[in-house]
Amino acid sequence: MDQITHEKIVDFAYCGICKNQELTEKDEPCSTCIANPVNFESKKPIKYEEDPIKVKRNAELIKEKHLHVKGD
């Protein structure tokens, strides 16, 4: 019987909207995230902490880009 795994490969794109984005990959908690490329039932890095301002800015950029593409 096949084993079911709940591990997911981390999507490091979340680093762009993490409150720790300004840190280097050698600094904690970033170094811990990089050392753990797999997470249980989540694609988010294990130490990911959402930055609401960055999330909102990212959503606005995506919306703006989408509108720009539609207008071409």
PDB file of N, CA and C in Angstrom:
ATOM      1  N   MET A   1       0.842  -1.184   0.000  1.00  0.00           N
ATOM      2  CA  MET A   1       0.000   0.000   0.000  1.00  0.00           C
ATOM      3  C   MET A   1       0.886   1.246   0.000  1.00  0.00           C
ATOM      4  N   ASP A   2       0.481   2.260  -0.768  1.00  0.00           N
ATOM      5  CA  ASP A   2       1.241   3.499  -0.841  1.00  0.00           C
ATOM      6  C   ASP A   2       1.115   4.275   0.464  1.00  0.00           C
ATOM      7  N   GLN A   3       2.221   4.889   0.837  1.00  0.00           N
ATOM      8  CA  GLN A   3       2.185   5.740   2.016  1.00  0.00           C
ATOM      9  C   GLN A   3       1.690   7.126   1.615  1.00  0.00           C
ATOM     10  N   ILE A   4       0.867   7.697   2.440  1.00  0.00           N
ATOM     11  CA  ILE A   4       0.397   9.059   2.206  1.00  0.00           C
ATOM     12  C   ILE A   4       1.282   9.986   3.013  1.00  0.00           C
ATOM     13  N   THR A   5       1.828  10.986   2.339  1.00  0.00           N
ATOM     14  CA  THR A   5       2.673  11.947   3.044  1.00  0.00           C
ATOM     15  C   THR A   5       1.965  13.299   3.097  1.00  0.00           C
ATOM     16  N   HIS A   6       2.156  13.969   4.174  1.00  0.00           N
ATOM     17  CA  HIS A   6       1.550  15.289   4.354  1.00  0.00           C
ATOM     18  C   HIS A   6       2.600  16.385   4.233  1.00  0.00           C
ATOM     19  N   GLU A   7       3.796  15.990   3.817  1.00  0.00           N
ATOM     20  CA  GLU A   7       4.869  16.963   3.659  1.00  0.00           C
ATOM     21  C   GLU A   7       4.722  17.683   2.326  1.00  0.00           C
ATOM     22  N   LYS A   8       4.998  18.972   2.340  1.00  0.00           N
ATOM     23  CA  LYS A   8       4.942  19.772   1.128  1.00  0.00           C
ATOM     24  C   LYS A   8       6.259  20.518   0.966  1.00  0.00           C
ATOM     25  N   ILE A   9       6.659  20.687  -0.278  1.00  0.00           N
ATOM     26  CA  ILE A   9       7.864  21.458  -0.562  1.00  0.00           C
ATOM     27  C   ILE A   9       7.547  22.926  -0.324  1.00  0.00           C
ATOM     28  N   VAL A  10       8.414  23.589   0.413  1.00  0.00           N
ATOM     29  CA  VAL A  10       8.214  24.992   0.778  1.00  0.00           C
ATOM     30  C   VAL A  10       8.337  25.880  -0.457  1.00  0.00           C
ATOM     31  N   ASP A  11       7.440  26.848  -0.552  1.00  0.00           N
ATOM     32  CA  ASP A  11       7.494  27.857  -1.606  1.00  0.00           C
ATOM     33  C   ASP A  11       8.115  29.112  -0.998  1.00  0.00           C
ATOM     34  N   PHE A  12       9.381  29.333  -1.325  1.00  0.00           N
ATOM     35  CA  PHE A  12      10.101  30.451  -0.723  1.00  0.00           C
ATOM     36  C   PHE A  12       9.665  31.811  -1.267  1.00  0.00           C
ATOM     37  N   ALA A  13       8.665  31.840  -2.154  1.00  0.00           N
ATOM     38  CA  ALA A  13       8.098  33.114  -2.598  1.00  0.00           C
ATOM     39  C   ALA A  13       7.440  33.839  -1.419  1.00  0.00           C
ATOM     40  N   TYR A  14       7.045  33.078  -0.394  1.00  0.00           N
ATOM     41  CA  TYR A  14       6.462  33.688   0.806  1.00  0.00           C
ATOM     42  C   TYR A  14       7.457  34.615   1.500  1.00  0.00           C
ATOM     43  N   CYS A  15       8.744  34.424   1.274  1.00  0.00           N
ATOM     44  CA  CYS A  15       9.752  35.279   1.903  1.00  0.00           C
ATOM     45  C   CYS A  15       9.558  36.748   1.519  1.00  0.00           C
ATOM     46  N   GLY A  16       9.025  36.990   0.328  1.00  0.00           N
ATOM     47  CA  GLY A  16       8.806  38.357  -0.140  1.00  0.00           C
ATOM     48  C   GLY A  16       7.736  39.110   0.622  1.00  0.00           C
ATOM     49  N   ILE A  17       6.869  38.398   1.332  1.00  0.00           N
ATOM     50  CA  ILE A  17       5.821  39.054   2.122  1.00  0.00           C
ATOM     51  C   ILE A  17       5.951  38.713   3.607  1.00  0.00           C
ATOM     52  N   CYS A  18       7.132  38.249   3.990  1.00  0.00           N
ATOM     53  CA  CYS A  18       7.401  37.914   5.390  1.00  0.00           C
ATOM     54  C   CYS A  18       7.938  39.146   6.124  1.00  0.00           C
ATOM     55  N   LYS A  19       7.602  39.259   7.380  1.00  0.00           N
ATOM     56  CA  LYS A  19       8.086  40.410   8.143  1.00  0.00           C
ATOM     57  C   LYS A  19       9.603  40.373   8.334  1.00  0.00           C
ATOM     58  N   ASN A  20      10.222  39.228   8.100  1.00  0.00           N
ATOM     59  CA  ASN A  20      11.672  39.098   8.251  1.00  0.00           C
ATOM     60  C   ASN A  20      12.424  39.212   6.929  1.00  0.00           C
ATOM     61  N   GLN A  21      11.772  39.688   5.890  1.00  0.00           N
ATOM     62  CA  GLN A  21      12.345  39.736   4.550  1.00  0.00           C
ATOM     63  C   GLN A  21      13.684  40.478   4.498  1.00  0.00           C
ATOM     64  N   GLU A  22      13.865  41.483   5.314  1.00  0.00           N
ATOM     65  CA  GLU A  22      15.074  42.295   5.252  1.00  0.00           C
ATOM     66  C   GLU A  22      16.305  41.595   5.832  1.00  0.00           C
ATOM     67  N   LEU A  23      16.103  40.483   6.527  1.00  0.00           N
ATOM     68  CA  LEU A  23      17.228  39.754   7.105  1.00  0.00           C
ATOM     69  C   LEU A  23      17.963  38.959   6.038  1.00  0.00           C
ATOM     70  N   THR A  24      19.206  38.595   6.329  1.00  0.00           N
ATOM     71  CA  THR A  24      19.944  37.762   5.380  1.00  0.00           C
ATOM     72  C   THR A  24      19.611  36.296   5.645  1.00  0.00           C
ATOM     73  N   GLU A  25      19.959  35.442   4.712  1.00  0.00           N
ATOM     74  CA  GLU A  25      19.675  34.014   4.874  1.00  0.00           C
ATOM     75  C   GLU A  25      20.511  33.380   5.981  1.00  0.00           C
ATOM     76  N   LYS A  26      21.517  34.088   6.475  1.00  0.00           N
ATOM     77  CA  LYS A  26      22.343  33.580   7.579  1.00  0.00           C
ATOM     78  C   LYS A  26      21.742  33.929   8.937  1.00  0.00           C
ATOM     79  N   ASP A  27      20.842  34.918   8.962  1.00  0.00           N
ATOM     80  CA  ASP A  27      20.228  35.363  10.214  1.00  0.00           C
ATOM     81  C   ASP A  27      19.034  34.488  10.582  1.00  0.00           C
ATOM     82  N   GLU A  28      18.778  34.385  11.888  1.00  0.00           N
ATOM     83  CA  GLU A  28      17.560  33.722  12.353  1.00  0.00           C
ATOM     84  C   GLU A  28      16.402  34.681  12.202  1.00  0.00           C
ATOM     85  N   PRO A  29      15.239  34.266  11.844  1.00  0.00           N
ATOM     86  CA  PRO A  29      14.774  32.911  11.628  1.00  0.00           C
ATOM     87  C   PRO A  29      14.966  32.409  10.194  1.00  0.00           C
ATOM     88  N   CYS A  30      15.500  33.264   9.317  1.00  0.00           N
ATOM     89  CA  CYS A  30      15.649  32.887   7.901  1.00  0.00           C
ATOM     90  C   CYS A  30      16.509  31.642   7.703  1.00  0.00           C
ATOM     91  N   SER A  31      17.583  31.531   8.461  1.00  0.00           N
ATOM     92  CA  SER A  31      18.453  30.369   8.288  1.00  0.00           C
ATOM     93  C   SER A  31      17.726  29.068   8.634  1.00  0.00           C
ATOM     94  N   THR A  32      16.828  29.121   9.593  1.00  0.00           N
ATOM     95  CA  THR A  32      16.034  27.939   9.948  1.00  0.00           C
ATOM     96  C   THR A  32      15.082  27.583   8.813  1.00  0.00           C
ATOM     97  N   CYS A  33      14.458  28.581   8.217  1.00  0.00           N
ATOM     98  CA  CYS A  33      13.554  28.322   7.088  1.00  0.00           C
ATOM     99  C   CYS A  33      14.300  27.672   5.931  1.00  0.00           C
ATOM    100  N   ILE A  34      15.442  28.213   5.602  1.00  0.00           N
ATOM    101  CA  ILE A  34      16.211  27.691   4.474  1.00  0.00           C
ATOM    102  C   ILE A  34      16.682  26.271   4.740  1.00  0.00           C
ATOM    103  N   ALA A  35      16.983  25.977   5.983  1.00  0.00           N
ATOM    104  CA  ALA A  35      17.446  24.636   6.343  1.00  0.00           C
ATOM    105  C   ALA A  35      16.320  23.598   6.329  1.00  0.00           C
ATOM    106  N   ASN A  36      15.078  24.055   6.203  1.00  0.00           N
ATOM    107  CA  ASN A  36      13.915  23.159   6.213  1.00  0.00           C
ATOM    108  C   ASN A  36      13.066  23.385   4.962  1.00  0.00           C
ATOM    109  N   PRO A  37      13.456  22.782   3.824  1.00  0.00           N
ATOM    110  CA  PRO A  37      12.739  23.004   2.570  1.00  0.00           C
ATOM    111  C   PRO A  37      11.405  22.249   2.454  1.00  0.00           C
ATOM    112  N   VAL A  38      11.030  21.508   3.492  1.00  0.00           N
ATOM    113  CA  VAL A  38       9.773  20.756   3.499  1.00  0.00           C
ATOM    114  C   VAL A  38       9.026  21.108   4.780  1.00  0.00           C
ATOM    115  N   ASN A  39       7.702  21.230   4.677  1.00  0.00           N
ATOM    116  CA  ASN A  39       6.884  21.553   5.839  1.00  0.00           C
ATOM    117  C   ASN A  39       5.689  20.604   5.879  1.00  0.00           C
ATOM    118  N   PHE A  40       5.124  20.415   7.038  1.00  0.00           N
ATOM    119  CA  PHE A  40       3.982  19.528   7.225  1.00  0.00           C
ATOM    120  C   PHE A  40       2.695  20.250   6.839  1.00  0.00           C
ATOM    121  N   GLU A  41       2.039  19.766   5.789  1.00  0.00           N
ATOM    122  CA  GLU A  41       0.751  20.274   5.309  1.00  0.00           C
ATOM    123  C   GLU A  41       0.737  21.767   4.977  1.00  0.00           C
ATOM    124  N   SER A  42       1.886  22.341   4.653  1.00  0.00           N
ATOM    125  CA  SER A  42       1.937  23.753   4.300  1.00  0.00           C
ATOM    126  C   SER A  42       3.103  24.026   3.363  1.00  0.00           C
ATOM    127  N   LYS A  43       2.886  24.935   2.420  1.00  0.00           N
ATOM    128  CA  LYS A  43       3.962  25.362   1.532  1.00  0.00           C
ATOM    129  C   LYS A  43       4.718  26.558   2.108  1.00  0.00           C
ATOM    130  N   LYS A  44       4.229  27.080   3.233  1.00  0.00           N
ATOM    131  CA  LYS A  44       4.880  28.241   3.847  1.00  0.00           C
ATOM    132  C   LYS A  44       6.126  27.802   4.609  1.00  0.00           C
ATOM    133  N   PRO A  45       7.173  28.643   4.588  1.00  0.00           N
ATOM    134  CA  PRO A  45       8.361  28.343   5.402  1.00  0.00           C
ATOM    135  C   PRO A  45       7.980  28.214   6.876  1.00  0.00           C
ATOM    136  N   ILE A  46       8.723  27.401   7.616  1.00  0.00           N
ATOM    137  CA  ILE A  46       8.320  27.082   8.988  1.00  0.00           C
ATOM    138  C   ILE A  46       8.338  28.277   9.939  1.00  0.00           C
ATOM    139  N   LYS A  47       9.150  29.271   9.666  1.00  0.00           N
ATOM    140  CA  LYS A  47       9.225  30.461  10.532  1.00  0.00           C
ATOM    141  C   LYS A  47       8.564  31.680   9.890  1.00  0.00           C
ATOM    142  N   TYR A  48       7.792  31.462   8.832  1.00  0.00           N
ATOM    143  CA  TYR A  48       7.127  32.551   8.113  1.00  0.00           C
ATOM    144  C   TYR A  48       6.197  33.324   9.037  1.00  0.00           C
ATOM    145  N   GLU A  49       6.334  34.659   8.983  1.00  0.00           N
ATOM    146  CA  GLU A  49       5.437  35.546   9.732  1.00  0.00           C
ATOM    147  C   GLU A  49       4.924  36.595   8.755  1.00  0.00           C
ATOM    148  N   GLU A  50       3.641  36.527   8.468  1.00  0.00           N
ATOM    149  CA  GLU A  50       3.038  37.426   7.494  1.00  0.00           C
ATOM    150  C   GLU A  50       3.168  38.884   7.910  1.00  0.00           C
ATOM    151  N   ASP A  51       3.560  39.720   6.962  1.00  0.00           N
ATOM    152  CA  ASP A  51       3.604  41.164   7.156  1.00  0.00           C
ATOM    153  C   ASP A  51       2.398  41.742   6.418  1.00  0.00           C
ATOM    154  N   PRO A  52       1.369  42.185   7.147  1.00  0.00           N
ATOM    155  CA  PRO A  52       0.135  42.656   6.500  1.00  0.00           C
ATOM    156  C   PRO A  52       0.363  43.788   5.507  1.00  0.00           C
ATOM    157  N   ILE A  53       1.312  44.655   5.780  1.00  0.00           N
ATOM    158  CA  ILE A  53       1.592  45.772   4.867  1.00  0.00           C
ATOM    159  C   ILE A  53       2.156  45.243   3.546  1.00  0.00           C
ATOM    160  N   LYS A  54       3.095  44.293   3.628  1.00  0.00           N
ATOM    161  CA  LYS A  54       3.687  43.717   2.419  1.00  0.00           C
ATOM    162  C   LYS A  54       2.656  42.899   1.645  1.00  0.00           C
ATOM    163  N   VAL A  55       1.782  42.206   2.352  1.00  0.00           N
ATOM    164  CA  VAL A  55       0.737  41.418   1.690  1.00  0.00           C
ATOM    165  C   VAL A  55      -0.201  42.345   0.918  1.00  0.00           C
ATOM    166  N   LYS A  56      -0.598  43.443   1.542  1.00  0.00           N
ATOM    167  CA  LYS A  56      -1.500  44.399   0.890  1.00  0.00           C
ATOM    168  C   LYS A  56      -0.816  45.032  -0.318  1.00  0.00           C
ATOM    169  N   ARG A  57       0.449  45.427  -0.161  1.00  0.00           N
ATOM    170  CA  ARG A  57       1.191  46.038  -1.264  1.00  0.00           C
ATOM    171  C   ARG A  57       1.337  45.043  -2.428  1.00  0.00           C
ATOM    172  N   ASN A  58       1.628  43.792  -2.088  1.00  0.00           N
ATOM    173  CA  ASN A  58       1.771  42.751  -3.109  1.00  0.00           C
ATOM    174  C   ASN A  58       0.455  42.537  -3.865  1.00  0.00           C
ATOM    175  N   ALA A  59      -0.651  42.506  -3.139  1.00  0.00           N
ATOM    176  CA  ALA A  59      -1.967  42.327  -3.765  1.00  0.00           C
ATOM    177  C   ALA A  59      -2.283  43.491  -4.702  1.00  0.00           C
ATOM    178  N   GLU A  60      -1.921  44.710  -4.288  1.00  0.00           N
ATOM    179  CA  GLU A  60      -2.160  45.881  -5.126  1.00  0.00           C
ATOM    180  C   GLU A  60      -1.324  45.826  -6.398  1.00  0.00           C
ATOM    181  N   LEU A  61      -0.071  45.389  -6.280  1.00  0.00           N
ATOM    182  CA  LEU A  61       0.797  45.265  -7.448  1.00  0.00           C
ATOM    183  C   LEU A  61       0.271  44.222  -8.425  1.00  0.00           C
ATOM    184  N   ILE A  62      -0.209  43.114  -7.895  1.00  0.00           N
ATOM    185  CA  ILE A  62      -0.769  42.060  -8.751  1.00  0.00           C
ATOM    186  C   ILE A  62      -2.012  42.568  -9.470  1.00  0.00           C
ATOM    187  N   LYS A  63      -2.879  43.260  -8.742  1.00  0.00           N
ATOM    188  CA  LYS A  63      -4.098  43.806  -9.338  1.00  0.00           C
ATOM    189  C   LYS A  63      -3.748  44.820 -10.424  1.00  0.00           C
ATOM    190  N   GLU A  64      -2.788  45.699 -10.128  1.00  0.00           N
ATOM    191  CA  GLU A  64      -2.363  46.712 -11.088  1.00  0.00           C
ATOM    192  C   GLU A  64      -1.778  46.056 -12.347  1.00  0.00           C
ATOM    193  N   LYS A  65      -0.970  45.048 -12.155  1.00  0.00           N
ATOM    194  CA  LYS A  65      -0.363  44.337 -13.284  1.00  0.00           C
ATOM    195  C   LYS A  65      -1.439  43.648 -14.111  1.00  0.00           C
ATOM    196  N   HIS A  66      -2.418  43.033 -13.433  1.00  0.00           N
ATOM    197  CA  HIS A  66      -3.506  42.352 -14.126  1.00  0.00           C
ATOM    198  C   HIS A  66      -4.323  43.350 -14.954  1.00  0.00           C
ATOM    199  N   LEU A  67      -4.610  44.507 -14.382  1.00  0.00           N
ATOM    200  CA  LEU A  67      -5.379  45.522 -15.100  1.00  0.00           C
ATOM    201  C   LEU A  67      -4.585  46.042 -16.300  1.00  0.00           C
ATOM    202  N   HIS A  68      -3.280  46.190 -16.118  1.00  0.00           N
ATOM    203  CA  HIS A  68      -2.418  46.684 -17.196  1.00  0.00           C
ATOM    204  C   HIS A  68      -2.400  45.674 -18.357  1.00  0.00           C
ATOM    205  N   VAL A  69      -2.301  44.409 -18.047  1.00  0.00           N
ATOM    206  CA  VAL A  69      -2.276  43.367 -19.074  1.00  0.00           C
ATOM    207  C   VAL A  69      -3.611  43.332 -19.814  1.00  0.00           C
ATOM    208  N   LYS A  70      -4.727  43.465 -19.087  1.00  0.00           N
ATOM    209  CA  LYS A  70      -6.048  43.454 -19.716  1.00  0.00           C
ATOM    210  C   LYS A  70      -6.237  44.647 -20.640  1.00  0.00           C
ATOM    211  N   GLY A  71      -5.619  45.765 -20.296  1.00  0.00           N
ATOM    212  CA  GLY A  71      -5.794  46.992 -21.067  1.00  0.00           C
ATOM    213  C   GLY A  71      -4.971  47.020 -22.338  1.00  0.00           C
ATOM    214  N   ASP A  72      -4.024  46.127 -22.497  1.00  0.00           N
ATOM    215  CA  ASP A  72      -3.155  46.125 -23.693  1.00  0.00           C
ATOM    216  C   ASP A  72      -3.879  45.684 -24.941  1.00  0.00           C
TER     217      ASP A  72
END
